[in-house]
Amino acid sequence: MSPSVFETTRLTARPMSPGDTDTVHALMSDPLVMRHYPRPWTRDECIRWVEHNQRLYEERGLGLWMLTLRADGSVAGDCGLTIQRIEDEDEIEIGYHLVPKLWGRGLASEAARATRDRAFAELGLARLVAIIAPTNEPSANVARAIGMRLEREMEWRGRPQGIFALDRGSIIASP
């Protein structure tokens, strides 16, 4: 098993590995999880996603990490950092996906908060964004819970999106 990237009260985050492909596919092919994306992902897209994250770990020390529940080791989803091109600038996005049966328990906020703290304290990043569909209020609530604010609305990859942002210097201790 891979070493953990971080632990919270209820979660452990660890790097994705090729052995996680089936788990990632179960998550990213779920129409409910992917309802704010153009469509659920295929198995090949999930293979490429795992490989992409492994490259990010190696090259940049970031990526999305698998989340497991500390209580029983079951998969909770993923959370982490990826690079997104927004208006000719590379931005570091914090992203999260949870299995639907765990929604509404504060786990996404818990994971996102730990990811934010790692991004600023350990990786030395100065800014994070979250790209969120206007209809995805639960994800926007997670972004706000970790201190992000809606910076602007725009069309991104052919769809309306809200760009939430947080600068390291503007963090006020959050609960």
N, C-alpha and C. Protein backbone atom coordinates (compact mmCIF):
# COMPACT_ATOMS: atom_id res chain seq x y z
N MET A 1 0.84 -1.19 0.00
CA MET A 1 0.00 0.00 0.00
C MET A 1 0.88 1.25 0.00
N SER A 2 0.43 2.27 -0.72
CA SER A 2 1.17 3.53 -0.81
C SER A 2 1.11 4.28 0.51
N PRO A 3 2.14 5.08 0.79
CA PRO A 3 2.10 5.88 2.02
C PRO A 3 1.02 6.95 1.90
N SER A 4 0.50 7.38 3.05
CA SER A 4 -0.54 8.41 3.00
C SER A 4 0.06 9.77 2.69
N VAL A 5 -0.72 10.58 2.02
CA VAL A 5 -0.35 11.96 1.73
C VAL A 5 -0.76 12.83 2.90
N PHE A 6 -1.95 12.55 3.43
CA PHE A 6 -2.42 13.22 4.63
C PHE A 6 -3.50 12.36 5.27
N GLU A 7 -3.72 12.64 6.55
CA GLU A 7 -4.83 12.03 7.28
C GLU A 7 -5.61 13.14 7.94
N THR A 8 -6.91 12.95 8.01
CA THR A 8 -7.78 13.85 8.74
C THR A 8 -8.44 13.01 9.83
N THR A 9 -9.38 13.59 10.52
CA THR A 9 -10.08 12.84 11.56
C THR A 9 -10.72 11.58 11.00
N ARG A 10 -11.31 11.68 9.80
CA ARG A 10 -12.05 10.54 9.25
C ARG A 10 -11.49 9.96 7.96
N LEU A 11 -10.49 10.58 7.37
CA LEU A 11 -10.02 10.18 6.04
C LEU A 11 -8.52 9.98 5.98
N THR A 12 -8.12 9.12 5.06
CA THR A 12 -6.72 8.99 4.68
C THR A 12 -6.65 9.24 3.18
N ALA A 13 -5.66 10.01 2.75
CA ALA A 13 -5.43 10.26 1.32
C ALA A 13 -4.11 9.60 0.95
N ARG A 14 -4.12 8.90 -0.19
CA ARG A 14 -2.90 8.25 -0.67
C ARG A 14 -2.83 8.39 -2.19
N PRO A 15 -1.64 8.24 -2.76
CA PRO A 15 -1.53 8.32 -4.22
C PRO A 15 -2.35 7.24 -4.91
N MET A 16 -2.86 7.59 -6.09
CA MET A 16 -3.51 6.60 -6.94
C MET A 16 -2.45 5.68 -7.52
N SER A 17 -2.85 4.44 -7.78
CA SER A 17 -1.97 3.48 -8.44
C SER A 17 -2.77 2.79 -9.54
N PRO A 18 -2.09 2.10 -10.46
CA PRO A 18 -2.83 1.39 -11.50
C PRO A 18 -3.88 0.43 -10.94
N GLY A 19 -3.66 -0.10 -9.76
CA GLY A 19 -4.62 -0.99 -9.14
C GLY A 19 -5.92 -0.29 -8.72
N ASP A 20 -5.93 1.03 -8.78
CA ASP A 20 -7.13 1.80 -8.43
C ASP A 20 -8.04 2.05 -9.63
N THR A 21 -7.65 1.57 -10.80
CA THR A 21 -8.42 1.88 -12.01
C THR A 21 -9.89 1.49 -11.88
N ASP A 22 -10.18 0.31 -11.38
CA ASP A 22 -11.58 -0.11 -11.24
C ASP A 22 -12.34 0.80 -10.28
N THR A 23 -11.70 1.19 -9.20
CA THR A 23 -12.33 2.07 -8.22
C THR A 23 -12.57 3.45 -8.82
N VAL A 24 -11.57 3.98 -9.51
CA VAL A 24 -11.71 5.28 -10.16
C VAL A 24 -12.82 5.22 -11.21
N HIS A 25 -12.85 4.13 -11.96
CA HIS A 25 -13.90 3.98 -12.99
C HIS A 25 -15.28 3.90 -12.36
N ALA A 26 -15.42 3.19 -11.26
CA ALA A 26 -16.72 3.11 -10.58
C ALA A 26 -17.19 4.51 -10.15
N LEU A 27 -16.28 5.33 -9.69
CA LEU A 27 -16.60 6.68 -9.25
C LEU A 27 -16.91 7.59 -10.45
N MET A 28 -16.00 7.63 -11.40
CA MET A 28 -16.08 8.60 -12.49
C MET A 28 -17.05 8.19 -13.62
N SER A 29 -17.54 6.97 -13.57
CA SER A 29 -18.55 6.56 -14.55
C SER A 29 -19.95 6.65 -13.96
N ASP A 30 -20.05 7.03 -12.70
CA ASP A 30 -21.35 7.15 -12.04
C ASP A 30 -22.04 8.43 -12.53
N PRO A 31 -23.20 8.30 -13.17
CA PRO A 31 -23.88 9.50 -13.70
C PRO A 31 -24.22 10.54 -12.62
N LEU A 32 -24.46 10.09 -11.42
CA LEU A 32 -24.76 11.02 -10.33
C LEU A 32 -23.51 11.83 -9.95
N VAL A 33 -22.37 11.17 -9.81
CA VAL A 33 -21.11 11.85 -9.49
C VAL A 33 -20.74 12.82 -10.62
N MET A 34 -20.99 12.42 -11.85
CA MET A 34 -20.53 13.20 -13.01
C MET A 34 -21.62 14.09 -13.61
N ARG A 35 -22.67 14.36 -12.88
CA ARG A 35 -23.80 15.11 -13.44
C ARG A 35 -23.45 16.53 -13.83
N HIS A 36 -22.37 17.09 -13.31
CA HIS A 36 -21.97 18.45 -13.67
C HIS A 36 -20.83 18.46 -14.69
N TYR A 37 -20.47 17.30 -15.19
CA TYR A 37 -19.47 17.15 -16.25
C TYR A 37 -20.21 16.90 -17.56
N PRO A 38 -19.51 17.02 -18.68
CA PRO A 38 -20.21 16.74 -19.95
C PRO A 38 -20.82 15.34 -20.02
N ARG A 39 -20.15 14.37 -19.36
CA ARG A 39 -20.65 12.99 -19.38
C ARG A 39 -19.80 12.16 -18.43
N PRO A 40 -20.30 10.98 -18.03
CA PRO A 40 -19.45 10.07 -17.24
C PRO A 40 -18.25 9.61 -18.07
N TRP A 41 -17.21 9.21 -17.38
CA TRP A 41 -15.97 8.81 -18.04
C TRP A 41 -15.97 7.33 -18.40
N THR A 42 -15.25 7.02 -19.48
CA THR A 42 -15.04 5.64 -19.89
C THR A 42 -13.90 5.04 -19.08
N ARG A 43 -13.76 3.74 -19.17
CA ARG A 43 -12.64 3.07 -18.49
C ARG A 43 -11.30 3.59 -19.01
N ASP A 44 -11.17 3.78 -20.33
CA ASP A 44 -9.91 4.30 -20.89
C ASP A 44 -9.60 5.69 -20.36
N GLU A 45 -10.61 6.54 -20.20
CA GLU A 45 -10.38 7.86 -19.63
C GLU A 45 -9.91 7.76 -18.18
N CYS A 46 -10.44 6.79 -17.46
CA CYS A 46 -10.03 6.60 -16.07
C CYS A 46 -8.60 6.07 -15.98
N ILE A 47 -8.22 5.19 -16.88
CA ILE A 47 -6.82 4.73 -16.94
C ILE A 47 -5.90 5.93 -17.17
N ARG A 48 -6.26 6.77 -18.14
CA ARG A 48 -5.44 7.96 -18.43
C ARG A 48 -5.41 8.92 -17.24
N TRP A 49 -6.52 9.02 -16.50
CA TRP A 49 -6.59 9.89 -15.32
C TRP A 49 -5.63 9.41 -14.23
N VAL A 50 -5.63 8.12 -13.97
CA VAL A 50 -4.70 7.56 -12.98
C VAL A 50 -3.26 7.83 -13.43
N GLU A 51 -2.95 7.58 -14.69
CA GLU A 51 -1.60 7.83 -15.21
C GLU A 51 -1.24 9.30 -15.12
N HIS A 52 -2.17 10.18 -15.44
CA HIS A 52 -1.94 11.62 -15.36
C HIS A 52 -1.60 12.03 -13.93
N ASN A 53 -2.37 11.52 -12.97
CA ASN A 53 -2.09 11.86 -11.57
C ASN A 53 -0.74 11.33 -11.12
N GLN A 54 -0.38 10.14 -11.55
CA GLN A 54 0.93 9.59 -11.20
C GLN A 54 2.06 10.47 -11.75
N ARG A 55 1.88 10.99 -12.97
CA ARG A 55 2.88 11.92 -13.52
C ARG A 55 2.96 13.20 -12.69
N LEU A 56 1.79 13.72 -12.30
CA LEU A 56 1.78 14.94 -11.47
C LEU A 56 2.48 14.73 -10.13
N TYR A 57 2.27 13.56 -9.52
CA TYR A 57 2.97 13.27 -8.25
C TYR A 57 4.48 13.37 -8.46
N GLU A 58 4.93 12.71 -9.52
CA GLU A 58 6.36 12.63 -9.80
C GLU A 58 6.96 13.99 -10.18
N GLU A 59 6.26 14.70 -11.05
CA GLU A 59 6.82 15.93 -11.62
C GLU A 59 6.57 17.17 -10.75
N ARG A 60 5.42 17.22 -10.06
CA ARG A 60 5.04 18.45 -9.36
C ARG A 60 4.71 18.27 -7.89
N GLY A 61 4.63 17.02 -7.42
CA GLY A 61 4.27 16.79 -6.03
C GLY A 61 2.80 17.03 -5.73
N LEU A 62 1.99 17.06 -6.78
CA LEU A 62 0.55 17.24 -6.59
C LEU A 62 -0.20 16.25 -7.45
N GLY A 63 -1.50 16.27 -7.38
CA GLY A 63 -2.38 15.35 -8.09
C GLY A 63 -3.60 15.10 -7.24
N LEU A 64 -4.56 14.36 -7.76
CA LEU A 64 -5.68 13.94 -6.94
C LEU A 64 -5.31 12.63 -6.28
N TRP A 65 -5.70 12.48 -5.03
CA TRP A 65 -5.35 11.32 -4.23
C TRP A 65 -6.61 10.52 -3.90
N MET A 66 -6.45 9.24 -3.75
CA MET A 66 -7.56 8.38 -3.33
C MET A 66 -7.86 8.66 -1.86
N LEU A 67 -9.14 8.75 -1.55
CA LEU A 67 -9.58 8.94 -0.17
C LEU A 67 -10.19 7.66 0.34
N THR A 68 -9.79 7.25 1.52
CA THR A 68 -10.41 6.10 2.17
C THR A 68 -10.86 6.52 3.56
N LEU A 69 -11.88 5.85 4.04
CA LEU A 69 -12.37 6.11 5.39
C LEU A 69 -11.43 5.44 6.38
N ARG A 70 -10.99 6.18 7.37
CA ARG A 70 -10.09 5.61 8.37
C ARG A 70 -10.77 4.51 9.17
N ALA A 71 -12.07 4.62 9.36
CA ALA A 71 -12.79 3.66 10.19
C ALA A 71 -12.75 2.24 9.63
N ASP A 72 -12.86 2.11 8.29
CA ASP A 72 -12.93 0.76 7.72
C ASP A 72 -12.12 0.57 6.45
N GLY A 73 -11.42 1.61 5.99
CA GLY A 73 -10.59 1.48 4.80
C GLY A 73 -11.33 1.51 3.47
N SER A 74 -12.64 1.70 3.51
CA SER A 74 -13.40 1.72 2.26
C SER A 74 -13.14 3.03 1.50
N VAL A 75 -13.29 2.97 0.20
CA VAL A 75 -13.03 4.12 -0.65
C VAL A 75 -14.12 5.16 -0.47
N ALA A 76 -13.69 6.40 -0.27
CA ALA A 76 -14.61 7.52 -0.10
C ALA A 76 -14.67 8.38 -1.35
N GLY A 77 -13.61 8.36 -2.17
CA GLY A 77 -13.56 9.19 -3.37
C GLY A 77 -12.14 9.61 -3.67
N ASP A 78 -12.01 10.83 -4.19
CA ASP A 78 -10.69 11.40 -4.43
C ASP A 78 -10.72 12.89 -4.12
N CYS A 79 -9.55 13.44 -3.92
CA CYS A 79 -9.42 14.88 -3.65
C CYS A 79 -7.96 15.24 -3.89
N GLY A 80 -7.74 16.43 -4.39
CA GLY A 80 -6.36 16.85 -4.58
C GLY A 80 -6.24 18.04 -5.50
N LEU A 81 -5.09 18.12 -6.12
CA LEU A 81 -4.70 19.28 -6.92
C LEU A 81 -4.33 18.86 -8.34
N THR A 82 -4.78 19.65 -9.29
CA THR A 82 -4.41 19.40 -10.68
C THR A 82 -4.18 20.74 -11.37
N ILE A 83 -3.58 20.70 -12.52
CA ILE A 83 -3.27 21.91 -13.28
C ILE A 83 -4.35 22.11 -14.33
N GLN A 84 -4.91 23.33 -14.36
CA GLN A 84 -5.92 23.68 -15.36
C GLN A 84 -5.49 24.95 -16.08
N ARG A 85 -5.75 24.99 -17.37
CA ARG A 85 -5.47 26.19 -18.17
C ARG A 85 -6.73 27.05 -18.20
N ILE A 86 -6.63 28.25 -17.64
CA ILE A 86 -7.75 29.18 -17.61
C ILE A 86 -7.28 30.51 -18.17
N GLU A 87 -7.88 30.92 -19.27
CA GLU A 87 -7.54 32.19 -19.91
C GLU A 87 -6.03 32.37 -20.05
N ASP A 88 -5.39 31.40 -20.67
CA ASP A 88 -3.95 31.44 -20.96
C ASP A 88 -3.04 31.43 -19.74
N GLU A 89 -3.58 31.05 -18.60
CA GLU A 89 -2.77 30.93 -17.39
C GLU A 89 -2.94 29.52 -16.83
N ASP A 90 -1.83 28.93 -16.36
CA ASP A 90 -1.93 27.66 -15.63
C ASP A 90 -2.31 27.98 -14.19
N GLU A 91 -3.37 27.36 -13.74
CA GLU A 91 -3.86 27.52 -12.37
C GLU A 91 -3.84 26.15 -11.71
N ILE A 92 -3.69 26.14 -10.40
CA ILE A 92 -3.77 24.90 -9.64
C ILE A 92 -5.19 24.81 -9.07
N GLU A 93 -5.89 23.76 -9.50
CA GLU A 93 -7.26 23.56 -9.07
C GLU A 93 -7.34 22.51 -7.98
N ILE A 94 -8.15 22.80 -6.98
CA ILE A 94 -8.48 21.79 -5.99
C ILE A 94 -9.76 21.12 -6.46
N GLY A 95 -9.74 19.80 -6.47
CA GLY A 95 -10.90 19.06 -6.94
C GLY A 95 -11.25 17.93 -5.98
N TYR A 96 -12.49 17.49 -6.04
CA TYR A 96 -12.95 16.44 -5.14
C TYR A 96 -14.16 15.75 -5.75
N HIS A 97 -14.22 14.46 -5.53
CA HIS A 97 -15.36 13.62 -5.92
C HIS A 97 -15.56 12.62 -4.79
N LEU A 98 -16.77 12.49 -4.32
CA LEU A 98 -17.07 11.51 -3.27
C LEU A 98 -18.14 10.53 -3.75
N VAL A 99 -18.08 9.32 -3.22
CA VAL A 99 -19.12 8.35 -3.54
C VAL A 99 -20.44 8.88 -2.96
N PRO A 100 -21.52 8.79 -3.72
CA PRO A 100 -22.77 9.42 -3.31
C PRO A 100 -23.29 9.02 -1.93
N LYS A 101 -23.07 7.78 -1.51
CA LYS A 101 -23.61 7.38 -0.20
C LYS A 101 -22.95 8.14 0.95
N LEU A 102 -21.84 8.84 0.68
CA LEU A 102 -21.14 9.60 1.72
C LEU A 102 -21.41 11.10 1.65
N TRP A 103 -22.22 11.53 0.68
CA TRP A 103 -22.52 12.95 0.54
C TRP A 103 -23.24 13.48 1.78
N GLY A 104 -23.03 14.76 2.05
CA GLY A 104 -23.76 15.43 3.12
C GLY A 104 -23.20 15.21 4.51
N ARG A 105 -22.02 14.62 4.61
CA ARG A 105 -21.41 14.35 5.91
C ARG A 105 -20.20 15.24 6.22
N GLY A 106 -19.90 16.18 5.33
CA GLY A 106 -18.76 17.06 5.54
C GLY A 106 -17.42 16.46 5.15
N LEU A 107 -17.42 15.29 4.53
CA LEU A 107 -16.15 14.65 4.16
C LEU A 107 -15.43 15.39 3.05
N ALA A 108 -16.16 15.93 2.07
CA ALA A 108 -15.51 16.69 0.99
C ALA A 108 -14.83 17.92 1.56
N SER A 109 -15.50 18.62 2.48
CA SER A 109 -14.88 19.80 3.10
C SER A 109 -13.67 19.42 3.92
N GLU A 110 -13.75 18.32 4.62
CA GLU A 110 -12.63 17.84 5.44
C GLU A 110 -11.41 17.54 4.55
N ALA A 111 -11.65 16.84 3.45
CA ALA A 111 -10.56 16.51 2.53
C ALA A 111 -10.03 17.75 1.82
N ALA A 112 -10.93 18.63 1.40
CA ALA A 112 -10.51 19.84 0.70
C ALA A 112 -9.71 20.76 1.62
N ARG A 113 -10.10 20.84 2.87
CA ARG A 113 -9.36 21.67 3.84
C ARG A 113 -7.94 21.14 4.02
N ALA A 114 -7.80 19.83 4.16
CA ALA A 114 -6.46 19.23 4.31
C ALA A 114 -5.64 19.43 3.04
N THR A 115 -6.29 19.33 1.89
CA THR A 115 -5.59 19.54 0.62
C THR A 115 -5.14 20.99 0.50
N ARG A 116 -6.01 21.92 0.86
CA ARG A 116 -5.65 23.35 0.86
C ARG A 116 -4.45 23.61 1.75
N ASP A 117 -4.49 23.06 2.96
CA ASP A 117 -3.40 23.29 3.91
C ASP A 117 -2.09 22.71 3.39
N ARG A 118 -2.15 21.54 2.80
CA ARG A 118 -0.95 20.93 2.23
C ARG A 118 -0.43 21.77 1.06
N ALA A 119 -1.33 22.26 0.23
CA ALA A 119 -0.94 23.07 -0.93
C ALA A 119 -0.18 24.32 -0.50
N PHE A 120 -0.66 24.98 0.52
CA PHE A 120 -0.03 26.22 0.95
C PHE A 120 1.19 25.98 1.84
N ALA A 121 1.08 25.10 2.80
CA ALA A 121 2.16 24.91 3.78
C ALA A 121 3.29 24.04 3.26
N GLU A 122 2.96 22.93 2.62
CA GLU A 122 4.00 21.98 2.20
C GLU A 122 4.48 22.21 0.78
N LEU A 123 3.56 22.55 -0.12
CA LEU A 123 3.95 22.73 -1.52
C LEU A 123 4.29 24.18 -1.84
N GLY A 124 3.99 25.10 -0.93
CA GLY A 124 4.34 26.50 -1.12
C GLY A 124 3.55 27.21 -2.22
N LEU A 125 2.38 26.69 -2.55
CA LEU A 125 1.57 27.33 -3.58
C LEU A 125 1.00 28.64 -3.06
N ALA A 126 0.80 29.60 -3.96
CA ALA A 126 0.31 30.91 -3.56
C ALA A 126 -1.19 31.07 -3.78
N ARG A 127 -1.76 30.23 -4.66
CA ARG A 127 -3.16 30.42 -5.05
C ARG A 127 -3.76 29.09 -5.47
N LEU A 128 -5.04 28.93 -5.16
CA LEU A 128 -5.80 27.76 -5.61
C LEU A 128 -7.10 28.25 -6.23
N VAL A 129 -7.59 27.49 -7.20
CA VAL A 129 -8.89 27.75 -7.79
C VAL A 129 -9.73 26.48 -7.73
N ALA A 130 -11.03 26.65 -7.92
CA ALA A 130 -11.95 25.55 -8.13
C ALA A 130 -12.89 25.97 -9.25
N ILE A 131 -13.02 25.12 -10.24
CA ILE A 131 -13.89 25.38 -11.39
C ILE A 131 -15.18 24.61 -11.13
N ILE A 132 -16.28 25.36 -10.96
CA ILE A 132 -17.52 24.74 -10.50
C ILE A 132 -18.69 25.22 -11.35
N ALA A 133 -19.47 24.26 -11.84
CA ALA A 133 -20.67 24.57 -12.61
C ALA A 133 -21.64 25.37 -11.75
N PRO A 134 -22.31 26.35 -12.32
CA PRO A 134 -23.25 27.16 -11.53
C PRO A 134 -24.36 26.33 -10.86
N THR A 135 -24.67 25.18 -11.41
CA THR A 135 -25.71 24.32 -10.83
C THR A 135 -25.19 23.40 -9.74
N ASN A 136 -23.88 23.42 -9.48
CA ASN A 136 -23.28 22.51 -8.51
C ASN A 136 -23.11 23.20 -7.16
N GLU A 137 -24.22 23.47 -6.52
CA GLU A 137 -24.19 24.18 -5.23
C GLU A 137 -23.45 23.40 -4.15
N PRO A 138 -23.57 22.06 -4.06
CA PRO A 138 -22.80 21.35 -3.03
C PRO A 138 -21.29 21.56 -3.18
N SER A 139 -20.78 21.54 -4.40
CA SER A 139 -19.35 21.75 -4.61
C SER A 139 -18.97 23.20 -4.28
N ALA A 140 -19.83 24.14 -4.64
CA ALA A 140 -19.57 25.54 -4.29
C ALA A 140 -19.54 25.72 -2.77
N ASN A 141 -20.40 24.99 -2.07
CA ASN A 141 -20.41 25.06 -0.60
C ASN A 141 -19.09 24.55 -0.02
N VAL A 142 -18.53 23.49 -0.62
CA VAL A 142 -17.22 22.99 -0.17
C VAL A 142 -16.16 24.06 -0.40
N ALA A 143 -16.16 24.67 -1.58
CA ALA A 143 -15.18 25.72 -1.89
C ALA A 143 -15.29 26.87 -0.87
N ARG A 144 -16.51 27.30 -0.58
CA ARG A 144 -16.69 28.38 0.39
C ARG A 144 -16.25 27.94 1.79
N ALA A 145 -16.49 26.67 2.14
CA ALA A 145 -16.11 26.16 3.47
C ALA A 145 -14.61 26.21 3.71
N ILE A 146 -13.82 26.16 2.64
CA ILE A 146 -12.36 26.22 2.82
C ILE A 146 -11.81 27.62 2.54
N GLY A 147 -12.72 28.60 2.43
CA GLY A 147 -12.29 29.99 2.30
C GLY A 147 -12.29 30.55 0.90
N MET A 148 -12.69 29.79 -0.08
CA MET A 148 -12.71 30.28 -1.47
C MET A 148 -13.91 31.19 -1.68
N ARG A 149 -13.75 32.10 -2.61
CA ARG A 149 -14.83 33.01 -3.00
C ARG A 149 -14.95 32.98 -4.52
N LEU A 150 -16.18 33.20 -4.99
CA LEU A 150 -16.40 33.27 -6.43
C LEU A 150 -15.67 34.48 -6.98
N GLU A 151 -14.73 34.23 -7.86
CA GLU A 151 -13.93 35.30 -8.44
C GLU A 151 -14.57 35.84 -9.72
N ARG A 152 -15.07 34.91 -10.55
CA ARG A 152 -15.70 35.31 -11.80
C ARG A 152 -16.48 34.14 -12.39
N GLU A 153 -17.36 34.49 -13.28
CA GLU A 153 -18.08 33.48 -14.05
C GLU A 153 -17.62 33.61 -15.49
N MET A 154 -17.50 32.47 -16.15
CA MET A 154 -17.00 32.48 -17.52
C MET A 154 -17.39 31.20 -18.23
N GLU A 155 -17.19 31.17 -19.52
CA GLU A 155 -17.34 29.93 -20.25
C GLU A 155 -15.96 29.27 -20.28
N TRP A 156 -15.93 28.02 -19.88
CA TRP A 156 -14.68 27.27 -19.82
C TRP A 156 -14.95 25.91 -20.45
N ARG A 157 -14.17 25.57 -21.46
CA ARG A 157 -14.36 24.33 -22.20
C ARG A 157 -15.80 24.18 -22.70
N GLY A 158 -16.35 25.29 -23.17
CA GLY A 158 -17.65 25.28 -23.79
C GLY A 158 -18.84 25.24 -22.85
N ARG A 159 -18.59 25.42 -21.54
CA ARG A 159 -19.69 25.36 -20.56
C ARG A 159 -19.54 26.50 -19.57
N PRO A 160 -20.67 27.04 -19.08
CA PRO A 160 -20.57 28.08 -18.05
C PRO A 160 -19.99 27.49 -16.76
N GLN A 161 -19.09 28.23 -16.16
CA GLN A 161 -18.43 27.79 -14.92
C GLN A 161 -18.19 28.99 -14.02
N GLY A 162 -18.18 28.72 -12.73
CA GLY A 162 -17.74 29.72 -11.77
C GLY A 162 -16.31 29.40 -11.38
N ILE A 163 -15.49 30.41 -11.31
CA ILE A 163 -14.10 30.24 -10.89
C ILE A 163 -14.00 30.77 -9.46
N PHE A 164 -13.84 29.84 -8.53
CA PHE A 164 -13.63 30.18 -7.13
C PHE A 164 -12.13 30.25 -6.90
N ALA A 165 -11.68 31.14 -6.03
CA ALA A 165 -10.24 31.29 -5.82
C ALA A 165 -9.94 31.61 -4.36
N LEU A 166 -8.71 31.27 -3.99
CA LEU A 166 -8.20 31.56 -2.65
C LEU A 166 -6.70 31.77 -2.76
N ASP A 167 -6.24 32.90 -2.23
CA ASP A 167 -4.82 33.20 -2.15
C ASP A 167 -4.33 32.83 -0.76
N ARG A 168 -3.11 32.29 -0.70
CA ARG A 168 -2.54 31.86 0.58
C ARG A 168 -2.59 32.97 1.62
N GLY A 169 -2.30 34.19 1.23
CA GLY A 169 -2.28 35.30 2.17
C GLY A 169 -3.63 35.70 2.73
N SER A 170 -4.71 35.21 2.12
CA SER A 170 -6.03 35.63 2.57
C SER A 170 -6.71 34.61 3.48
N ILE A 171 -5.97 33.55 3.84
CA ILE A 171 -6.57 32.52 4.70
C ILE A 171 -6.73 33.04 6.11
N ILE A 172 -7.94 32.87 6.57
CA ILE A 172 -8.26 33.11 7.98
C ILE A 172 -8.57 31.74 8.52
N ALA A 173 -8.09 31.43 9.68
CA ALA A 173 -8.29 30.10 10.25
C ALA A 173 -9.74 29.68 10.09
N SER A 174 -9.93 28.51 9.48
CA SER A 174 -11.29 28.02 9.29
C SER A 174 -11.52 26.83 10.22
N PRO A 175 -12.76 26.65 10.59
CA PRO A 175 -13.06 25.57 11.54
C PRO A 175 -12.78 24.20 10.97
